[in-house]
Amino acid sequence: MKQIMDNVRKAAPLIHNITNYVTVTDVANALLACGGSPIMADDSGEAEEITSICPG
């Protein structure tokens, strides 16, 4: 698990989240704590563009 977390922190991946307004802060904070870089976009018109810049 340590190796996995080290790899995530090193990569700091951009992670596209589709969540509700009640949990958006908690989800973003959890991802930040794990070393990710959250992006929260709720417009379905942005999904393709945002997904294309997130690592696969």
PDB file of N, CA and C in Angstrom:
ATOM      1  N   MET A   1       0.827  -1.186   0.000  1.00  0.00           N
ATOM      2  CA  MET A   1       0.000   0.000   0.000  1.00  0.00           C
ATOM      3  C   MET A   1       0.873   1.253   0.000  1.00  0.00           C
ATOM      4  N   LYS A   2       1.976   1.219   0.733  1.00  0.00           N
ATOM      5  CA  LYS A   2       2.849   2.385   0.764  1.00  0.00           C
ATOM      6  C   LYS A   2       3.377   2.705  -0.630  1.00  0.00           C
ATOM      7  N   GLN A   3       3.757   1.671  -1.367  1.00  0.00           N
ATOM      8  CA  GLN A   3       4.268   1.874  -2.729  1.00  0.00           C
ATOM      9  C   GLN A   3       3.196   2.504  -3.620  1.00  0.00           C
ATOM     10  N   ILE A   4       1.980   2.050  -3.485  1.00  0.00           N
ATOM     11  CA  ILE A   4       0.874   2.600  -4.278  1.00  0.00           C
ATOM     12  C   ILE A   4       0.677   4.075  -3.952  1.00  0.00           C
ATOM     13  N   MET A   5       0.634   4.404  -2.675  1.00  0.00           N
ATOM     14  CA  MET A   5       0.432   5.795  -2.274  1.00  0.00           C
ATOM     15  C   MET A   5       1.602   6.673  -2.708  1.00  0.00           C
ATOM     16  N   ASP A   6       2.815   6.154  -2.623  1.00  0.00           N
ATOM     17  CA  ASP A   6       3.985   6.908  -3.091  1.00  0.00           C
ATOM     18  C   ASP A   6       3.876   7.187  -4.591  1.00  0.00           C
ATOM     19  N   ASN A   7       3.434   6.193  -5.340  1.00  0.00           N
ATOM     20  CA  ASN A   7       3.273   6.370  -6.788  1.00  0.00           C
ATOM     21  C   ASN A   7       2.201   7.411  -7.115  1.00  0.00           C
ATOM     22  N   VAL A   8       1.106   7.386  -6.376  1.00  0.00           N
ATOM     23  CA  VAL A   8       0.042   8.371  -6.601  1.00  0.00           C
ATOM     24  C   VAL A   8       0.551   9.769  -6.283  1.00  0.00           C
ATOM     25  N   ARG A   9       1.233   9.905  -5.163  1.00  0.00           N
ATOM     26  CA  ARG A   9       1.746  11.229  -4.780  1.00  0.00           C
ATOM     27  C   ARG A   9       2.772  11.745  -5.777  1.00  0.00           C
ATOM     28  N   LYS A  10       3.576  10.844  -6.324  1.00  0.00           N
ATOM     29  CA  LYS A  10       4.583  11.242  -7.303  1.00  0.00           C
ATOM     30  C   LYS A  10       3.921  11.705  -8.608  1.00  0.00           C
ATOM     31  N   ALA A  11       2.883  11.002  -9.025  1.00  0.00           N
ATOM     32  CA  ALA A  11       2.209  11.319 -10.282  1.00  0.00           C
ATOM     33  C   ALA A  11       1.232  12.481 -10.143  1.00  0.00           C
ATOM     34  N   ALA A  12       0.663  12.664  -8.942  1.00  0.00           N
ATOM     35  CA  ALA A  12      -0.370  13.684  -8.693  1.00  0.00           C
ATOM     36  C   ALA A  12      -1.383  13.734  -9.836  1.00  0.00           C
ATOM     37  N   PRO A  13      -2.072  12.606 -10.093  1.00  0.00           N
ATOM     38  CA  PRO A  13      -2.963  12.550 -11.251  1.00  0.00           C
ATOM     39  C   PRO A  13      -4.166  13.488 -11.134  1.00  0.00           C
ATOM     40  N   LEU A  14      -4.548  14.042 -12.254  1.00  0.00           N
ATOM     41  CA  LEU A  14      -5.773  14.830 -12.347  1.00  0.00           C
ATOM     42  C   LEU A  14      -6.930  13.847 -12.408  1.00  0.00           C
ATOM     43  N   ILE A  15      -7.872  13.979 -11.509  1.00  0.00           N
ATOM     44  CA  ILE A  15      -8.978  13.031 -11.403  1.00  0.00           C
ATOM     45  C   ILE A  15     -10.292  13.768 -11.570  1.00  0.00           C
ATOM     46  N   HIS A  16     -11.017  13.409 -12.628  1.00  0.00           N
ATOM     47  CA  HIS A  16     -12.313  14.027 -12.919  1.00  0.00           C
ATOM     48  C   HIS A  16     -13.379  13.384 -12.043  1.00  0.00           C
ATOM     49  N   ASN A  17     -14.103  14.212 -11.322  1.00  0.00           N
ATOM     50  CA  ASN A  17     -15.149  13.741 -10.419  1.00  0.00           C
ATOM     51  C   ASN A  17     -16.501  14.267 -10.844  1.00  0.00           C
ATOM     52  N   ILE A  18     -17.453  13.396 -10.828  1.00  0.00           N
ATOM     53  CA  ILE A  18     -18.845  13.801 -11.019  1.00  0.00           C
ATOM     54  C   ILE A  18     -19.541  13.392  -9.728  1.00  0.00           C
ATOM     55  N   THR A  19     -19.870  14.357  -8.922  1.00  0.00           N
ATOM     56  CA  THR A  19     -20.463  14.071  -7.620  1.00  0.00           C
ATOM     57  C   THR A  19     -21.549  15.111  -7.340  1.00  0.00           C
ATOM     58  N   ASN A  20     -22.208  14.973  -6.235  1.00  0.00           N
ATOM     59  CA  ASN A  20     -23.261  15.933  -5.908  1.00  0.00           C
ATOM     60  C   ASN A  20     -22.682  17.067  -5.061  1.00  0.00           C
ATOM     61  N   TYR A  21     -23.462  18.117  -4.902  1.00  0.00           N
ATOM     62  CA  TYR A  21     -22.971  19.296  -4.197  1.00  0.00           C
ATOM     63  C   TYR A  21     -22.784  19.060  -2.698  1.00  0.00           C
ATOM     64  N   VAL A  22     -23.429  18.038  -2.159  1.00  0.00           N
ATOM     65  CA  VAL A  22     -23.309  17.758  -0.731  1.00  0.00           C
ATOM     66  C   VAL A  22     -21.937  17.166  -0.419  1.00  0.00           C
ATOM     67  N   THR A  23     -21.424  16.314  -1.305  1.00  0.00           N
ATOM     68  CA  THR A  23     -20.180  15.598  -1.018  1.00  0.00           C
ATOM     69  C   THR A  23     -18.955  16.145  -1.747  1.00  0.00           C
ATOM     70  N   VAL A  24     -19.118  17.155  -2.568  1.00  0.00           N
ATOM     71  CA  VAL A  24     -18.023  17.614  -3.419  1.00  0.00           C
ATOM     72  C   VAL A  24     -16.780  18.017  -2.614  1.00  0.00           C
ATOM     73  N   THR A  25     -16.940  18.691  -1.517  1.00  0.00           N
ATOM     74  CA  THR A  25     -15.795  19.112  -0.706  1.00  0.00           C
ATOM     75  C   THR A  25     -15.105  17.917  -0.065  1.00  0.00           C
ATOM     76  N   ASP A  26     -15.886  16.985   0.456  1.00  0.00           N
ATOM     77  CA  ASP A  26     -15.304  15.797   1.081  1.00  0.00           C
ATOM     78  C   ASP A  26     -14.528  14.959   0.066  1.00  0.00           C
ATOM     79  N   VAL A  27     -15.099  14.777  -1.116  1.00  0.00           N
ATOM     80  CA  VAL A  27     -14.434  13.990  -2.152  1.00  0.00           C
ATOM     81  C   VAL A  27     -13.136  14.675  -2.586  1.00  0.00           C
ATOM     82  N   ALA A  28     -13.190  15.974  -2.818  1.00  0.00           N
ATOM     83  CA  ALA A  28     -11.990  16.715  -3.224  1.00  0.00           C
ATOM     84  C   ALA A  28     -10.917  16.641  -2.139  1.00  0.00           C
ATOM     85  N   ASN A  29     -11.296  16.810  -0.889  1.00  0.00           N
ATOM     86  CA  ASN A  29     -10.325  16.758   0.207  1.00  0.00           C
ATOM     87  C   ASN A  29      -9.712  15.367   0.360  1.00  0.00           C
ATOM     88  N   ALA A  30     -10.507  14.325   0.179  1.00  0.00           N
ATOM     89  CA  ALA A  30      -9.982  12.968   0.265  1.00  0.00           C
ATOM     90  C   ALA A  30      -8.961  12.718  -0.843  1.00  0.00           C
ATOM     91  N   LEU A  31      -9.267  13.164  -2.047  1.00  0.00           N
ATOM     92  CA  LEU A  31      -8.325  12.991  -3.152  1.00  0.00           C
ATOM     93  C   LEU A  31      -7.047  13.797  -2.937  1.00  0.00           C
ATOM     94  N   LEU A  32      -7.175  14.997  -2.435  1.00  0.00           N
ATOM     95  CA  LEU A  32      -5.991  15.806  -2.132  1.00  0.00           C
ATOM     96  C   LEU A  32      -5.132  15.124  -1.066  1.00  0.00           C
ATOM     97  N   ALA A  33      -5.773  14.567  -0.052  1.00  0.00           N
ATOM     98  CA  ALA A  33      -5.041  13.885   1.018  1.00  0.00           C
ATOM     99  C   ALA A  33      -4.291  12.660   0.500  1.00  0.00           C
ATOM    100  N   CYS A  34      -4.816  12.046  -0.550  1.00  0.00           N
ATOM    101  CA  CYS A  34      -4.157  10.873  -1.149  1.00  0.00           C
ATOM    102  C   CYS A  34      -3.094  11.256  -2.164  1.00  0.00           C
ATOM    103  N   GLY A  35      -3.024  12.528  -2.517  1.00  0.00           N
ATOM    104  CA  GLY A  35      -2.014  12.973  -3.466  1.00  0.00           C
ATOM    105  C   GLY A  35      -2.537  13.224  -4.856  1.00  0.00           C
ATOM    106  N   GLY A  36      -3.827  13.092  -5.046  1.00  0.00           N
ATOM    107  CA  GLY A  36      -4.425  13.351  -6.353  1.00  0.00           C
ATOM    108  C   GLY A  36      -4.711  14.825  -6.554  1.00  0.00           C
ATOM    109  N   SER A  37      -5.137  15.149  -7.741  1.00  0.00           N
ATOM    110  CA  SER A  37      -5.498  16.518  -8.077  1.00  0.00           C
ATOM    111  C   SER A  37      -6.916  16.501  -8.648  1.00  0.00           C
ATOM    112  N   PRO A  38      -7.908  16.755  -7.795  1.00  0.00           N
ATOM    113  CA  PRO A  38      -9.296  16.630  -8.246  1.00  0.00           C
ATOM    114  C   PRO A  38      -9.749  17.797  -9.113  1.00  0.00           C
ATOM    115  N   ILE A  39     -10.596  17.468 -10.068  1.00  0.00           N
ATOM    116  CA  ILE A  39     -11.290  18.495 -10.828  1.00  0.00           C
ATOM    117  C   ILE A  39     -12.769  18.149 -10.751  1.00  0.00           C
ATOM    118  N   MET A  40     -13.570  19.109 -10.373  1.00  0.00           N
ATOM    119  CA  MET A  40     -15.001  18.902 -10.211  1.00  0.00           C
ATOM    120  C   MET A  40     -15.724  19.708 -11.279  1.00  0.00           C
ATOM    121  N   ALA A  41     -16.356  19.019 -12.172  1.00  0.00           N
ATOM    122  CA  ALA A  41     -17.112  19.682 -13.227  1.00  0.00           C
ATOM    123  C   ALA A  41     -18.441  18.963 -13.362  1.00  0.00           C
ATOM    124  N   ASP A  42     -19.521  19.698 -13.285  1.00  0.00           N
ATOM    125  CA  ASP A  42     -20.830  19.052 -13.336  1.00  0.00           C
ATOM    126  C   ASP A  42     -21.577  19.304 -14.636  1.00  0.00           C
ATOM    127  N   ASP A  43     -20.969  19.988 -15.577  1.00  0.00           N
ATOM    128  CA  ASP A  43     -21.585  20.237 -16.869  1.00  0.00           C
ATOM    129  C   ASP A  43     -21.274  19.071 -17.798  1.00  0.00           C
ATOM    130  N   SER A  44     -22.288  18.359 -18.238  1.00  0.00           N
ATOM    131  CA  SER A  44     -22.057  17.193 -19.091  1.00  0.00           C
ATOM    132  C   SER A  44     -21.368  17.576 -20.397  1.00  0.00           C
ATOM    133  N   GLY A  45     -21.486  18.814 -20.816  1.00  0.00           N
ATOM    134  CA  GLY A  45     -20.819  19.285 -22.023  1.00  0.00           C
ATOM    135  C   GLY A  45     -19.308  19.362 -21.866  1.00  0.00           C
ATOM    136  N   GLU A  46     -18.813  19.376 -20.637  1.00  0.00           N
ATOM    137  CA  GLU A  46     -17.376  19.438 -20.373  1.00  0.00           C
ATOM    138  C   GLU A  46     -16.738  18.067 -20.201  1.00  0.00           C
ATOM    139  N   ALA A  47     -17.540  17.035 -20.060  1.00  0.00           N
ATOM    140  CA  ALA A  47     -17.029  15.708 -19.712  1.00  0.00           C
ATOM    141  C   ALA A  47     -15.992  15.186 -20.701  1.00  0.00           C
ATOM    142  N   GLU A  48     -16.266  15.278 -21.975  1.00  0.00           N
ATOM    143  CA  GLU A  48     -15.324  14.748 -22.963  1.00  0.00           C
ATOM    144  C   GLU A  48     -13.988  15.483 -22.919  1.00  0.00           C
ATOM    145  N   GLU A  49     -14.036  16.808 -22.845  1.00  0.00           N
ATOM    146  CA  GLU A  49     -12.809  17.595 -22.807  1.00  0.00           C
ATOM    147  C   GLU A  49     -11.993  17.315 -21.546  1.00  0.00           C
ATOM    148  N   ILE A  50     -12.663  17.278 -20.409  1.00  0.00           N
ATOM    149  CA  ILE A  50     -11.970  17.056 -19.142  1.00  0.00           C
ATOM    150  C   ILE A  50     -11.393  15.637 -19.103  1.00  0.00           C
ATOM    151  N   THR A  51     -12.165  14.665 -19.527  1.00  0.00           N
ATOM    152  CA  THR A  51     -11.701  13.287 -19.520  1.00  0.00           C
ATOM    153  C   THR A  51     -10.482  13.121 -20.420  1.00  0.00           C
ATOM    154  N   SER A  52     -10.414  13.877 -21.506  1.00  0.00           N
ATOM    155  CA  SER A  52      -9.295  13.744 -22.433  1.00  0.00           C
ATOM    156  C   SER A  52      -7.975  14.234 -21.833  1.00  0.00           C
ATOM    157  N   ILE A  53      -8.033  15.108 -20.819  1.00  0.00           N
ATOM    158  CA  ILE A  53      -6.784  15.602 -20.217  1.00  0.00           C
ATOM    159  C   ILE A  53      -6.388  14.828 -18.963  1.00  0.00           C
ATOM    160  N   CYS A  54      -7.277  13.937 -18.491  1.00  0.00           N
ATOM    161  CA  CYS A  54      -6.966  13.107 -17.327  1.00  0.00           C
ATOM    162  C   CYS A  54      -6.151  11.903 -17.784  1.00  0.00           C
ATOM    163  N   PRO A  55      -5.142  11.550 -17.001  1.00  0.00           N
ATOM    164  CA  PRO A  55      -4.341  10.382 -17.406  1.00  0.00           C
ATOM    165  C   PRO A  55      -5.180   9.109 -17.398  1.00  0.00           C
ATOM    166  N   GLY A  56      -4.888   8.216 -18.310  1.00  0.00           N
ATOM    167  CA  GLY A  56      -5.675   6.991 -18.445  1.00  0.00           C
ATOM    168  C   GLY A  56      -5.116   5.900 -17.668  1.00  0.00           C
TER     169      GLY A  56
END
